């Protein structure tokens, strides 16, 4: 069983920005990430990071549409 990350970005040039976004979300929910492999994260920790990222994206979208 491979734990290799197979996620692909639609815009490869956005990789650094997405890594920074993920790090910020992790900090906000109190999860420490290290450079490289974070395969030791629990499902709860990984889910918290992903959930925080989605929450921030939805908030940004809502702010954008409310100002139009």
Protein backbone atom coordinates (compact mmCIF):
# COMPACT_ATOMS: atom_id res chain seq x y z
CA UNK A 1 0.00 0.00 0.00
CA UNK A 2 1.45 3.33 -1.06
CA UNK A 3 1.06 6.53 0.96
CA UNK A 4 2.36 8.70 -1.87
CA UNK A 5 0.40 11.93 -2.32
CA UNK A 6 -1.25 11.75 -5.74
CA UNK A 7 -3.08 15.08 -5.53
CA UNK A 8 -2.48 17.24 -8.57
CA UNK A 9 -3.06 20.97 -8.82
CA UNK A 10 -4.83 22.35 -11.86
CA UNK A 11 -2.30 25.20 -11.82
CA UNK A 12 1.11 23.74 -10.92
CA UNK A 13 2.53 27.22 -10.35
CA UNK A 14 0.16 27.56 -7.36
CA UNK A 15 1.97 24.82 -5.41
CA UNK A 16 3.85 27.18 -3.08
CA UNK A 17 0.71 29.22 -2.35
CA UNK A 18 -1.26 26.05 -1.57
CA UNK A 19 1.49 24.80 0.76
CA UNK A 20 1.44 28.14 2.60
CA UNK A 21 -2.37 28.03 2.78
CA UNK A 22 -2.23 24.49 4.20
CA UNK A 23 0.40 25.54 6.76
CA UNK A 24 -1.72 28.53 7.86
CA UNK A 25 -4.81 26.32 8.22
CA UNK A 26 -2.82 23.77 10.23
CA UNK A 27 -1.53 26.49 12.56
CA UNK A 28 -5.07 27.80 13.07
CA UNK A 29 -6.33 24.38 14.21
CA UNK A 30 -3.22 23.63 16.28
CA UNK A 31 -1.67 20.91 14.11
CA UNK A 32 2.07 20.92 13.49
CA UNK A 33 3.16 20.14 9.94
CA UNK A 34 6.70 19.41 8.90
CA UNK A 35 8.28 19.85 5.48
CA UNK A 36 7.76 16.83 3.30
CA UNK A 37 5.89 13.74 4.42
CA UNK A 38 3.18 14.20 7.04
CA UNK A 39 1.91 10.65 6.81
CA UNK A 40 1.94 10.33 10.57
CA UNK A 41 -1.00 12.73 10.95
CA UNK A 42 -4.14 11.20 12.36
CA UNK A 43 -7.33 11.27 10.31
CA UNK A 44 -8.72 13.82 12.76
CA UNK A 45 -5.71 16.12 12.31
CA UNK A 46 -5.75 15.87 8.52
CA UNK A 47 -9.51 16.39 8.46
CA UNK A 48 -9.21 19.44 10.68
CA UNK A 49 -6.71 21.00 8.30
CA UNK A 50 -8.84 20.24 5.23
CA UNK A 51 -11.98 21.48 6.95
CA UNK A 52 -10.29 24.74 7.93
CA UNK A 53 -9.10 25.24 4.35
CA UNK A 54 -12.64 24.72 3.01
CA UNK A 55 -14.07 27.06 5.64
CA UNK A 56 -11.64 29.81 4.63
CA UNK A 57 -12.38 29.31 0.91
CA UNK A 58 -16.14 29.51 1.51
CA UNK A 59 -15.71 32.66 3.63
CA UNK A 60 -13.63 34.27 0.90
CA UNK A 61 -16.22 33.41 -1.75
CA UNK A 62 -19.07 34.73 0.41
CA UNK A 63 -17.16 37.98 0.97
CA UNK A 64 -16.54 38.34 -2.75
CA UNK A 65 -20.16 37.84 -3.75
CA UNK A 66 -21.48 40.11 -1.00
CA UNK A 67 -19.40 43.03 -2.32
CA UNK A 68 -20.73 42.75 -5.86
